[in-house]
């Protein structure tokens, strides 16, 4: 679950992941169990690759920064 405790930091982290890969996060929001992202994806990366980077890195970051939220995936 995406709780208020780390939601804004998670969105910022995802923005950083995108920036590092020639993409740009325009807006982020969602519900407690999922995220909606509006992003500009660079021409050198596929949408599926961008999503794979976001999902894997954000899960790892959340587990490291907020160990009480191990169920986050």
PDB file of N, CA and C in Angstrom:
ATOM      1  N   UNK A   1       0.830  -1.181   0.000  1.00  0.00           N
ATOM      2  CA  UNK A   1       0.000   0.000   0.000  1.00  0.00           C
ATOM      3  C   UNK A   1       0.880   1.253   0.000  1.00  0.00           C
ATOM      4  N   UNK A   2       0.428   2.233  -0.681  1.00  0.00           N
ATOM      5  CA  UNK A   2       1.141   3.511  -0.751  1.00  0.00           C
ATOM      6  C   UNK A   2       0.530   4.415   0.317  1.00  0.00           C
ATOM      7  N   UNK A   3       1.254   4.593   1.401  1.00  0.00           N
ATOM      8  CA  UNK A   3       0.733   5.352   2.538  1.00  0.00           C
ATOM      9  C   UNK A   3       1.276   6.781   2.504  1.00  0.00           C
ATOM     10  N   UNK A   4       0.543   7.671   3.161  1.00  0.00           N
ATOM     11  CA  UNK A   4       0.920   9.090   3.187  1.00  0.00           C
ATOM     12  C   UNK A   4       2.333   9.288   3.715  1.00  0.00           C
ATOM     13  N   UNK A   5       2.785   8.389   4.581  1.00  0.00           N
ATOM     14  CA  UNK A   5       4.115   8.486   5.194  1.00  0.00           C
ATOM     15  C   UNK A   5       5.218   8.613   4.146  1.00  0.00           C
ATOM     16  N   UNK A   6       5.070   7.932   3.017  1.00  0.00           N
ATOM     17  CA  UNK A   6       6.141   7.977   2.018  1.00  0.00           C
ATOM     18  C   UNK A   6       5.671   8.309   0.604  1.00  0.00           C
ATOM     19  N   UNK A   7       4.411   8.599   0.410  1.00  0.00           N
ATOM     20  CA  UNK A   7       3.861   8.838  -0.932  1.00  0.00           C
ATOM     21  C   UNK A   7       4.616   9.940  -1.694  1.00  0.00           C
ATOM     22  N   UNK A   8       4.766  11.116  -1.095  1.00  0.00           N
ATOM     23  CA  UNK A   8       5.416  12.229  -1.804  1.00  0.00           C
ATOM     24  C   UNK A   8       6.882  11.928  -2.110  1.00  0.00           C
ATOM     25  N   UNK A   9       7.561  11.285  -1.175  1.00  0.00           N
ATOM     26  CA  UNK A   9       8.959  10.912  -1.423  1.00  0.00           C
ATOM     27  C   UNK A   9       9.055   9.862  -2.534  1.00  0.00           C
ATOM     28  N   UNK A  10       8.091   8.954  -2.577  1.00  0.00           N
ATOM     29  CA  UNK A  10       8.067   7.943  -3.632  1.00  0.00           C
ATOM     30  C   UNK A  10       7.880   8.595  -4.999  1.00  0.00           C
ATOM     31  N   UNK A  11       6.943   9.519  -5.094  1.00  0.00           N
ATOM     32  CA  UNK A  11       6.734  10.214  -6.365  1.00  0.00           C
ATOM     33  C   UNK A  11       8.002  10.956  -6.794  1.00  0.00           C
ATOM     34  N   UNK A  12       8.665  11.602  -5.854  1.00  0.00           N
ATOM     35  CA  UNK A  12       9.907  12.312  -6.164  1.00  0.00           C
ATOM     36  C   UNK A  12      10.989  11.325  -6.620  1.00  0.00           C
ATOM     37  N   UNK A  13      11.060  10.180  -5.966  1.00  0.00           N
ATOM     38  CA  UNK A  13      12.048   9.162  -6.342  1.00  0.00           C
ATOM     39  C   UNK A  13      11.777   8.669  -7.761  1.00  0.00           C
ATOM     40  N   UNK A  14      10.520   8.414  -8.076  1.00  0.00           N
ATOM     41  CA  UNK A  14      10.160   7.980  -9.421  1.00  0.00           C
ATOM     42  C   UNK A  14      10.529   9.059 -10.439  1.00  0.00           C
ATOM     43  N   UNK A  15      10.320  10.322 -10.082  1.00  0.00           N
ATOM     44  CA  UNK A  15      10.742  11.420 -10.955  1.00  0.00           C
ATOM     45  C   UNK A  15      12.234  11.374 -11.219  1.00  0.00           C
ATOM     46  N   UNK A  16      13.009  11.055 -10.201  1.00  0.00           N
ATOM     47  CA  UNK A  16      14.458  10.929 -10.361  1.00  0.00           C
ATOM     48  C   UNK A  16      14.840   9.771 -11.267  1.00  0.00           C
ATOM     49  N   UNK A  17      14.156   8.654 -11.119  1.00  0.00           N
ATOM     50  CA  UNK A  17      14.405   7.504 -11.995  1.00  0.00           C
ATOM     51  C   UNK A  17      14.171   7.918 -13.449  1.00  0.00           C
ATOM     52  N   UNK A  18      13.066   8.590 -13.676  1.00  0.00           N
ATOM     53  CA  UNK A  18      12.752   9.018 -15.039  1.00  0.00           C
ATOM     54  C   UNK A  18      13.778  10.020 -15.550  1.00  0.00           C
ATOM     55  N   UNK A  19      14.135  11.003 -14.738  1.00  0.00           N
ATOM     56  CA  UNK A  19      15.130  11.999 -15.156  1.00  0.00           C
ATOM     57  C   UNK A  19      16.450  11.348 -15.536  1.00  0.00           C
ATOM     58  N   UNK A  20      16.859  10.328 -14.775  1.00  0.00           N
ATOM     59  CA  UNK A  20      18.117   9.637 -15.044  1.00  0.00           C
ATOM     60  C   UNK A  20      18.092   8.865 -16.361  1.00  0.00           C
ATOM     61  N   UNK A  21      16.901   8.689 -16.920  1.00  0.00           N
ATOM     62  CA  UNK A  21      16.757   7.908 -18.146  1.00  0.00           C
ATOM     63  C   UNK A  21      16.148   8.733 -19.281  1.00  0.00           C
ATOM     64  N   UNK A  22      16.461  10.038 -19.274  1.00  0.00           N
ATOM     65  CA  UNK A  22      16.042  10.947 -20.339  1.00  0.00           C
ATOM     66  C   UNK A  22      14.519  11.017 -20.497  1.00  0.00           C
ATOM     67  N   UNK A  23      13.830  10.949 -19.361  1.00  0.00           N
ATOM     68  CA  UNK A  23      12.378  11.052 -19.331  1.00  0.00           C
ATOM     69  C   UNK A  23      12.018  12.139 -18.322  1.00  0.00           C
ATOM     70  N   UNK A  24      10.737  12.481 -18.266  1.00  0.00           N
ATOM     71  CA  UNK A  24      10.324  13.518 -17.330  1.00  0.00           C
ATOM     72  C   UNK A  24       8.972  13.158 -16.726  1.00  0.00           C
ATOM     73  N   UNK A  25       8.901  13.212 -15.400  1.00  0.00           N
ATOM     74  CA  UNK A  25       7.633  13.020 -14.706  1.00  0.00           C
ATOM     75  C   UNK A  25       6.880  14.344 -14.744  1.00  0.00           C
ATOM     76  N   UNK A  26       5.684  14.326 -15.302  1.00  0.00           N
ATOM     77  CA  UNK A  26       4.867  15.525 -15.405  1.00  0.00           C
ATOM     78  C   UNK A  26       3.895  15.599 -14.232  1.00  0.00           C
ATOM     79  N   UNK A  27       3.282  14.472 -13.887  1.00  0.00           N
ATOM     80  CA  UNK A  27       2.338  14.436 -12.766  1.00  0.00           C
ATOM     81  C   UNK A  27       2.285  13.018 -12.206  1.00  0.00           C
ATOM     82  N   UNK A  28       2.039  12.912 -10.907  1.00  0.00           N
ATOM     83  CA  UNK A  28       1.897  11.619 -10.242  1.00  0.00           C
ATOM     84  C   UNK A  28       0.729  11.710  -9.275  1.00  0.00           C
ATOM     85  N   UNK A  29       0.011  10.642  -9.160  1.00  0.00           N
ATOM     86  CA  UNK A  29      -1.113  10.560  -8.237  1.00  0.00           C
ATOM     87  C   UNK A  29      -1.579   9.121  -8.187  1.00  0.00           C
ATOM     88  N   UNK A  30      -2.725   8.903  -7.604  1.00  0.00           N
ATOM     89  CA  UNK A  30      -3.240   7.546  -7.589  1.00  0.00           C
ATOM     90  C   UNK A  30      -4.052   7.245  -6.357  1.00  0.00           C
ATOM     91  N   UNK A  31      -4.129   5.990  -6.066  1.00  0.00           N
ATOM     92  CA  UNK A  31      -4.901   5.458  -4.950  1.00  0.00           C
ATOM     93  C   UNK A  31      -3.924   4.726  -4.020  1.00  0.00           C
ATOM     94  N   UNK A  32      -4.404   4.293  -2.863  1.00  0.00           N
ATOM     95  CA  UNK A  32      -3.492   3.595  -1.944  1.00  0.00           C
ATOM     96  C   UNK A  32      -2.859   2.324  -2.517  1.00  0.00           C
ATOM     97  N   UNK A  33      -3.494   1.731  -3.533  1.00  0.00           N
ATOM     98  CA  UNK A  33      -2.955   0.481  -4.059  1.00  0.00           C
ATOM     99  C   UNK A  33      -2.366   0.575  -5.468  1.00  0.00           C
ATOM    100  N   UNK A  34      -2.315   1.774  -6.042  1.00  0.00           N
ATOM    101  CA  UNK A  34      -1.675   1.930  -7.347  1.00  0.00           C
ATOM    102  C   UNK A  34      -1.371   3.403  -7.621  1.00  0.00           C
ATOM    103  N   UNK A  35      -0.518   3.614  -8.608  1.00  0.00           N
ATOM    104  CA  UNK A  35      -0.056   4.952  -8.967  1.00  0.00           C
ATOM    105  C   UNK A  35      -0.441   5.245 -10.418  1.00  0.00           C
ATOM    106  N   UNK A  36      -0.776   6.504 -10.660  1.00  0.00           N
ATOM    107  CA  UNK A  36      -0.974   6.998 -12.023  1.00  0.00           C
ATOM    108  C   UNK A  36       0.180   7.961 -12.301  1.00  0.00           C
ATOM    109  N   UNK A  37       0.825   7.783 -13.445  1.00  0.00           N
ATOM    110  CA  UNK A  37       1.921   8.659 -13.828  1.00  0.00           C
ATOM    111  C   UNK A  37       1.645   9.256 -15.205  1.00  0.00           C
ATOM    112  N   UNK A  38       1.904  10.525 -15.333  1.00  0.00           N
ATOM    113  CA  UNK A  38       1.929  11.181 -16.636  1.00  0.00           C
ATOM    114  C   UNK A  38       3.383  11.556 -16.853  1.00  0.00           C
ATOM    115  N   UNK A  39       3.974  10.978 -17.877  1.00  0.00           N
ATOM    116  CA  UNK A  39       5.405  11.181 -18.095  1.00  0.00           C
ATOM    117  C   UNK A  39       5.708  11.343 -19.573  1.00  0.00           C
ATOM    118  N   UNK A  40       6.764  12.060 -19.827  1.00  0.00           N
ATOM    119  CA  UNK A  40       7.323  12.164 -21.155  1.00  0.00           C
ATOM    120  C   UNK A  40       8.465  11.153 -21.220  1.00  0.00           C
ATOM    121  N   UNK A  41       8.367  10.217 -22.145  1.00  0.00           N
ATOM    122  CA  UNK A  41       9.356   9.145 -22.248  1.00  0.00           C
ATOM    123  C   UNK A  41      10.316   9.465 -23.388  1.00  0.00           C
ATOM    124  N   UNK A  42      11.606   9.423 -23.092  1.00  0.00           N
ATOM    125  CA  UNK A  42      12.619   9.701 -24.104  1.00  0.00           C
ATOM    126  C   UNK A  42      12.585   8.707 -25.250  1.00  0.00           C
ATOM    127  N   UNK A  43      13.119   9.113 -26.374  1.00  0.00           N
ATOM    128  CA  UNK A  43      13.063   8.271 -27.571  1.00  0.00           C
ATOM    129  C   UNK A  43      14.009   7.068 -27.504  1.00  0.00           C
ATOM    130  N   UNK A  44      14.926   7.060 -26.569  1.00  0.00           N
ATOM    131  CA  UNK A  44      15.900   5.971 -26.469  1.00  0.00           C
ATOM    132  C   UNK A  44      15.444   4.830 -25.562  1.00  0.00           C
ATOM    133  N   UNK A  45      14.249   4.931 -24.960  1.00  0.00           N
ATOM    134  CA  UNK A  45      13.780   3.905 -24.032  1.00  0.00           C
ATOM    135  C   UNK A  45      12.330   3.555 -24.371  1.00  0.00           C
ATOM    136  N   UNK A  46      12.020   2.282 -24.292  1.00  0.00           N
ATOM    137  CA  UNK A  46      10.639   1.859 -24.554  1.00  0.00           C
ATOM    138  C   UNK A  46       9.787   2.083 -23.302  1.00  0.00           C
ATOM    139  N   UNK A  47       8.497   2.128 -23.505  1.00  0.00           N
ATOM    140  CA  UNK A  47       7.591   2.286 -22.369  1.00  0.00           C
ATOM    141  C   UNK A  47       7.762   1.116 -21.398  1.00  0.00           C
ATOM    142  N   UNK A  48       7.858  -0.095 -21.921  1.00  0.00           N
ATOM    143  CA  UNK A  48       8.001  -1.260 -21.037  1.00  0.00           C
ATOM    144  C   UNK A  48       9.306  -1.205 -20.245  1.00  0.00           C
ATOM    145  N   UNK A  49      10.383  -0.736 -20.859  1.00  0.00           N
ATOM    146  CA  UNK A  49      11.656  -0.616 -20.143  1.00  0.00           C
ATOM    147  C   UNK A  49      11.566   0.461 -19.061  1.00  0.00           C
ATOM    148  N   UNK A  50      10.904   1.573 -19.369  1.00  0.00           N
ATOM    149  CA  UNK A  50      10.731   2.638 -18.372  1.00  0.00           C
ATOM    150  C   UNK A  50       9.920   2.118 -17.184  1.00  0.00           C
ATOM    151  N   UNK A  51       8.839   1.399 -17.459  1.00  0.00           N
ATOM    152  CA  UNK A  51       8.027   0.850 -16.368  1.00  0.00           C
ATOM    153  C   UNK A  51       8.806  -0.171 -15.549  1.00  0.00           C
ATOM    154  N   UNK A  52       9.600  -0.986 -16.198  1.00  0.00           N
ATOM    155  CA  UNK A  52      10.422  -1.974 -15.482  1.00  0.00           C
ATOM    156  C   UNK A  52      11.399  -1.263 -14.548  1.00  0.00           C
ATOM    157  N   UNK A  53      12.035  -0.201 -15.032  1.00  0.00           N
ATOM    158  CA  UNK A  53      12.953   0.574 -14.190  1.00  0.00           C
ATOM    159  C   UNK A  53      12.231   1.204 -13.005  1.00  0.00           C
ATOM    160  N   UNK A  54      11.071   1.786 -13.258  1.00  0.00           N
ATOM    161  CA  UNK A  54      10.301   2.427 -12.192  1.00  0.00           C
ATOM    162  C   UNK A  54       9.893   1.400 -11.137  1.00  0.00           C
ATOM    163  N   UNK A  55       9.322   0.298 -11.581  1.00  0.00           N
ATOM    164  CA  UNK A  55       8.810  -0.700 -10.635  1.00  0.00           C
ATOM    165  C   UNK A  55       9.922  -1.335  -9.811  1.00  0.00           C
ATOM    166  N   UNK A  56      10.986  -1.746 -10.451  1.00  0.00           N
ATOM    167  CA  UNK A  56      12.051  -2.435  -9.715  1.00  0.00           C
ATOM    168  C   UNK A  56      12.775  -1.484  -8.762  1.00  0.00           C
ATOM    169  N   UNK A  57      13.117  -0.306  -9.249  1.00  0.00           N
ATOM    170  CA  UNK A  57      13.863   0.629  -8.406  1.00  0.00           C
ATOM    171  C   UNK A  57      13.017   1.222  -7.290  1.00  0.00           C
ATOM    172  N   UNK A  58      11.756   1.520  -7.557  1.00  0.00           N
ATOM    173  CA  UNK A  58      10.913   2.096  -6.506  1.00  0.00           C
ATOM    174  C   UNK A  58      10.603   1.070  -5.429  1.00  0.00           C
ATOM    175  N   UNK A  59      10.420  -0.186  -5.791  1.00  0.00           N
ATOM    176  CA  UNK A  59      10.199  -1.225  -4.782  1.00  0.00           C
ATOM    177  C   UNK A  59      11.430  -1.402  -3.904  1.00  0.00           C
ATOM    178  N   UNK A  60      12.594  -1.472  -4.539  1.00  0.00           N
ATOM    179  CA  UNK A  60      13.840  -1.621  -3.779  1.00  0.00           C
ATOM    180  C   UNK A  60      14.028  -0.442  -2.835  1.00  0.00           C
ATOM    181  N   UNK A  61      13.833   0.781  -3.314  1.00  0.00           N
ATOM    182  CA  UNK A  61      13.989   1.978  -2.494  1.00  0.00           C
ATOM    183  C   UNK A  61      13.024   1.966  -1.315  1.00  0.00           C
ATOM    184  N   UNK A  62      11.769   1.630  -1.574  1.00  0.00           N
ATOM    185  CA  UNK A  62      10.767   1.608  -0.501  1.00  0.00           C
ATOM    186  C   UNK A  62      11.131   0.583   0.557  1.00  0.00           C
ATOM    187  N   UNK A  63      11.569  -0.596   0.163  1.00  0.00           N
ATOM    188  CA  UNK A  63      11.946  -1.635   1.124  1.00  0.00           C
ATOM    189  C   UNK A  63      13.156  -1.214   1.956  1.00  0.00           C
ATOM    190  N   UNK A  64      14.075  -0.484   1.353  1.00  0.00           N
ATOM    191  CA  UNK A  64      15.257  -0.022   2.090  1.00  0.00           C
ATOM    192  C   UNK A  64      14.925   1.147   3.015  1.00  0.00           C
ATOM    193  N   UNK A  65      14.141   2.103   2.538  1.00  0.00           N
ATOM    194  CA  UNK A  65      13.833   3.308   3.314  1.00  0.00           C
ATOM    195  C   UNK A  65      12.730   3.094   4.345  1.00  0.00           C
ATOM    196  N   UNK A  66      11.808   2.196   4.073  1.00  0.00           N
ATOM    197  CA  UNK A  66      10.653   1.958   4.938  1.00  0.00           C
ATOM    198  C   UNK A  66      10.482   0.453   5.158  1.00  0.00           C
ATOM    199  N   UNK A  67      11.353  -0.161   5.951  1.00  0.00           N
ATOM    200  CA  UNK A  67      11.320  -1.613   6.112  1.00  0.00           C
ATOM    201  C   UNK A  67      10.010  -2.146   6.686  1.00  0.00           C
ATOM    202  N   UNK A  68       9.220  -1.307   7.329  1.00  0.00           N
ATOM    203  CA  UNK A  68       7.930  -1.753   7.852  1.00  0.00           C
ATOM    204  C   UNK A  68       6.913  -1.975   6.743  1.00  0.00           C
ATOM    205  N   UNK A  69       7.254  -1.582   5.522  1.00  0.00           N
ATOM    206  CA  UNK A  69       6.335  -1.710   4.389  1.00  0.00           C
ATOM    207  C   UNK A  69       6.858  -2.733   3.379  1.00  0.00           C
ATOM    208  N   UNK A  70       7.246  -3.883   3.874  1.00  0.00           N
ATOM    209  CA  UNK A  70       7.795  -4.941   3.008  1.00  0.00           C
ATOM    210  C   UNK A  70       6.767  -5.466   2.008  1.00  0.00           C
ATOM    211  N   UNK A  71       5.485  -5.256   2.275  1.00  0.00           N
ATOM    212  CA  UNK A  71       4.451  -5.744   1.359  1.00  0.00           C
ATOM    213  C   UNK A  71       4.361  -4.903   0.092  1.00  0.00           C
ATOM    214  N   UNK A  72       5.033  -3.748   0.077  1.00  0.00           N
ATOM    215  CA  UNK A  72       5.002  -2.882  -1.093  1.00  0.00           C
ATOM    216  C   UNK A  72       5.668  -3.586  -2.266  1.00  0.00           C
ATOM    217  N   UNK A  73       4.999  -3.566  -3.416  1.00  0.00           N
ATOM    218  CA  UNK A  73       5.574  -4.187  -4.617  1.00  0.00           C
ATOM    219  C   UNK A  73       5.155  -3.386  -5.838  1.00  0.00           C
TER     220      UNK A  73
END
